[in-house]
C-alpha atoms as a PDB file:
ATOM      1  CA  MET A   1       1.300   2.610   9.788  1.00  0.00           C
ATOM      2  CA  PHE A   2       4.484   0.636   8.987  1.00  0.00           C
ATOM      3  CA  ASP A   3       5.969   0.659  12.486  1.00  0.00           C
ATOM      4  CA  ALA A   4       3.881  -2.329  13.552  1.00  0.00           C
ATOM      5  CA  LEU A   5       5.289  -4.522  10.774  1.00  0.00           C
ATOM      6  CA  ALA A   6       7.989  -7.040  11.635  1.00  0.00           C
ATOM      7  CA  ARG A   7      10.938  -7.473   9.238  1.00  0.00           C
ATOM      8  CA  ASP A   8       9.375 -10.445   7.423  1.00  0.00           C
ATOM      9  CA  GLU A   9       6.068  -8.566   7.113  1.00  0.00           C
ATOM     10  CA  ARG A  10       7.897  -5.560   5.636  1.00  0.00           C
ATOM     11  CA  LEU A  11       9.496  -7.806   3.033  1.00  0.00           C
ATOM     12  CA  LEU A  12       6.137  -9.414   2.305  1.00  0.00           C
ATOM     13  CA  LEU A  13       4.592  -5.970   1.827  1.00  0.00           C
ATOM     14  CA  LEU A  14       7.338  -5.004  -0.608  1.00  0.00           C
ATOM     15  CA  ARG A  15       6.977  -8.306  -2.457  1.00  0.00           C
ATOM     16  CA  PHE A  16       3.281  -7.502  -2.968  1.00  0.00           C
ATOM     17  CA  VAL A  17       4.026  -3.915  -4.007  1.00  0.00           C
ATOM     18  CA  CYS A  18       6.696  -5.035  -6.493  1.00  0.00           C
ATOM     19  CA  ALA A  19       4.453  -7.757  -7.892  1.00  0.00           C
ATOM     20  CA  PHE A  20       1.743  -5.177  -8.402  1.00  0.00           C
ATOM     21  CA  ALA A  21       4.204  -2.892 -10.211  1.00  0.00           C
ATOM     22  CA  TRP A  22       4.651  -5.727 -12.727  1.00  0.00           C
ATOM     23  CA  THR A  23       0.898  -5.940 -13.502  1.00  0.00           C
ATOM     24  CA  ASP A  24       1.405  -4.159 -16.829  1.00  0.00           C
ATOM     25  CA  LEU A  25       4.624  -6.158 -17.446  1.00  0.00           C
ATOM     26  CA  GLU A  26       6.860  -3.113 -17.033  1.00  0.00           C
ATOM     27  CA  VAL A  27       8.080  -1.269 -13.944  1.00  0.00           C
ATOM     28  CA  GLN A  28       7.959   2.478 -14.572  1.00  0.00           C
ATOM     29  CA  ASP A  29      10.610   4.858 -13.169  1.00  0.00           C
ATOM     30  CA  SER A  30       8.018   6.405 -10.858  1.00  0.00           C
ATOM     31  CA  GLU A  31       7.099   2.946  -9.531  1.00  0.00           C
ATOM     32  CA  ARG A  32      10.765   2.097  -8.985  1.00  0.00           C
ATOM     33  CA  ALA A  33      11.272   5.384  -7.107  1.00  0.00           C
ATOM     34  CA  PHE A  34       8.183   4.680  -4.987  1.00  0.00           C
ATOM     35  CA  VAL A  35       9.517   1.265  -3.987  1.00  0.00           C
ATOM     36  CA  LEU A  36      12.950   2.647  -3.140  1.00  0.00           C
ATOM     37  CA  ARG A  37      11.370   5.366  -0.958  1.00  0.00           C
ATOM     38  CA  LEU A  38       9.321   2.680   0.756  1.00  0.00           C
ATOM     39  CA  VAL A  39      12.467   0.610   1.385  1.00  0.00           C
ATOM     40  CA  LYS A  40      14.026   3.617   3.155  1.00  0.00           C
ATOM     41  CA  ARG A  41      10.856   4.354   5.094  1.00  0.00           C
ATOM     42  CA  LEU A  42      10.700   0.733   6.252  1.00  0.00           C
ATOM     43  CA  GLU A  43      14.344   0.978   7.333  1.00  0.00           C
ATOM     44  CA  LEU A  44      15.439  -2.239   5.680  1.00  0.00           C
ATOM     45  CA  GLY A  45      19.043  -3.366   5.869  1.00  0.00           C
ATOM     46  CA  PRO A  46      21.295  -3.528   2.792  1.00  0.00           C
ATOM     47  CA  GLU A  47      20.704  -7.239   2.187  1.00  0.00           C
ATOM     48  CA  ASP A  48      16.915  -6.863   2.297  1.00  0.00           C
ATOM     49  CA  ALA A  49      17.059  -3.728   0.132  1.00  0.00           C
ATOM     50  CA  SER A  50      19.087  -5.656  -2.434  1.00  0.00           C
ATOM     51  CA  GLU A  51      16.473  -8.407  -2.487  1.00  0.00           C
ATOM     52  CA  VAL A  52      13.739  -5.827  -3.095  1.00  0.00           C
ATOM     53  CA  GLU A  53      15.734  -4.299  -5.956  1.00  0.00           C
ATOM     54  CA  THR A  54      15.873  -7.765  -7.512  1.00  0.00           C
ATOM     55  CA  TRP A  55      12.060  -7.803  -7.527  1.00  0.00           C
ATOM     56  CA  LEU A  56      12.120  -4.572  -9.526  1.00  0.00           C
ATOM     57  CA  HIS A  57      14.138  -6.339 -12.221  1.00  0.00           C
ATOM     58  CA  ILE A  58      12.422  -9.735 -12.079  1.00  0.00           C
ATOM     59  CA  ALA A  59       8.855 -10.041 -10.857  1.00  0.00           C
ATOM     60  CA  PRO A  60       8.385 -11.960  -7.606  1.00  0.00           C
ATOM     61  CA  ALA A  61       7.226 -15.531  -8.150  1.00  0.00           C
ATOM     62  CA  PRO A  62       3.409 -15.740  -8.162  1.00  0.00           C
ATOM     63  CA  GLY A  63       3.455 -18.286  -5.336  1.00  0.00           C
ATOM     64  CA  SER A  64       5.311 -15.857  -3.093  1.00  0.00           C
ATOM     65  CA  ILE A  65       2.417 -13.403  -2.890  1.00  0.00           C
ATOM     66  CA  ASP A  66      -0.454 -15.304  -1.337  1.00  0.00           C
ATOM     67  CA  PRO A  67      -3.000 -12.972   0.342  1.00  0.00           C
ATOM     68  CA  LYS A  68      -3.437 -15.616   3.054  1.00  0.00           C
ATOM     69  CA  ASP A  69       0.112 -14.836   4.220  1.00  0.00           C
ATOM     70  CA  VAL A  70      -0.820 -11.255   5.116  1.00  0.00           C
ATOM     71  CA  PRO A  71      -1.594 -10.980   8.825  1.00  0.00           C
ATOM     72  CA  PRO A  72      -5.177  -9.773   9.342  1.00  0.00           C
ATOM     73  CA  ALA A  73      -3.989  -6.862  11.486  1.00  0.00           C
ATOM     74  CA  HIS A  74      -1.941  -5.501   8.572  1.00  0.00           C
ATOM     75  CA  ARG A  75      -4.248  -6.058   5.620  1.00  0.00           C
ATOM     76  CA  ARG A  76      -5.406  -2.433   5.471  1.00  0.00           C
ATOM     77  CA  THR A  77      -1.757  -1.301   5.399  1.00  0.00           C
ATOM     78  CA  PHE A  78      -1.048  -3.634   2.480  1.00  0.00           C
ATOM     79  CA  ILE A  79      -4.108  -2.386   0.584  1.00  0.00           C
ATOM     80  CA  GLU A  80      -3.133   1.259   1.058  1.00  0.00           C
ATOM     81  CA  ALA A  81       0.493   0.675   0.003  1.00  0.00           C
ATOM     82  CA  ILE A  82      -0.593  -1.221  -3.100  1.00  0.00           C
ATOM     83  CA  ARG A  83      -3.192   1.438  -3.926  1.00  0.00           C
ATOM     84  CA  ALA A  84      -0.444   4.078  -3.708  1.00  0.00           C
ATOM     85  CA  MET A  85       1.703   2.005  -6.090  1.00  0.00           C
ATOM     86  CA  MET A  86      -1.205   1.766  -8.487  1.00  0.00           C
ATOM     87  CA  TYR A  87      -1.552   5.546  -8.753  1.00  0.00           C
ATOM     88  CA  VAL A  88       2.116   6.581  -8.568  1.00  0.00           C
ATOM     89  CA  ASP A  89       2.695   6.482 -12.335  1.00  0.00           C
ATOM     90  CA  GLY A  90      -0.428   8.539 -13.065  1.00  0.00           C
ATOM     91  CA  GLU A  91      -1.985   5.795 -15.192  1.00  0.00           C
ATOM     92  CA  VAL A  92      -4.373   3.128 -13.972  1.00  0.00           C
ATOM     93  CA  ASP A  93      -5.483   0.734 -16.671  1.00  0.00           C
ATOM     94  CA  ALA A  94      -8.355  -1.720 -16.488  1.00  0.00           C
ATOM     95  CA  GLU A  95      -6.056  -4.688 -15.753  1.00  0.00           C
ATOM     96  CA  GLU A  96      -4.447  -2.901 -12.793  1.00  0.00           C
ATOM     97  CA  ARG A  97      -7.832  -1.902 -11.412  1.00  0.00           C
ATOM     98  CA  GLU A  98      -9.158  -5.452 -11.799  1.00  0.00           C
ATOM     99  CA  GLN A  99      -6.089  -7.009 -10.145  1.00  0.00           C
ATOM    100  CA  PHE A 100      -6.326  -4.529  -7.279  1.00  0.00           C
ATOM    101  CA  GLU A 101     -10.007  -5.235  -6.715  1.00  0.00           C
ATOM    102  CA  ARG A 102      -9.325  -8.995  -6.656  1.00  0.00           C
ATOM    103  CA  LEU A 103      -6.482  -8.581  -4.209  1.00  0.00           C
ATOM    104  CA  LYS A 104      -8.523  -6.242  -2.029  1.00  0.00           C
ATOM    105  CA  ALA A 105     -11.412  -8.713  -1.950  1.00  0.00           C
ATOM    106  CA  ALA A 106      -9.045 -11.548  -1.024  1.00  0.00           C
ATOM    107  CA  LEU A 107      -7.442  -9.523   1.758  1.00  0.00           C
ATOM    108  CA  LEU A 108     -10.732  -8.306   3.201  1.00  0.00           C
ATOM    109  CA  ALA A 109     -12.562 -11.651   2.910  1.00  0.00           C
END
């Protein structure tokens, strides 16, 4: 699923995942662990991994997560990764669900 992603697409995916972790204004330990596992699975280098860790401390800028930037061939992968982030902490509130549905609609439009 992730093998087809180029380096910049992997970083974009993680930017979306981290931004979604901030939906409730707090990154939970389980969400942080999920992101770090994803960084390893995506085989990012130390510099890229450090950038991702920054996004776990400070939310990515809203302008850096435009659904139009996601290549059509990878939109399903992005949706599934973000869905996994949504459920990793065991709590899905109405705001998270609404944000996910909006993002999903934008990616599948």
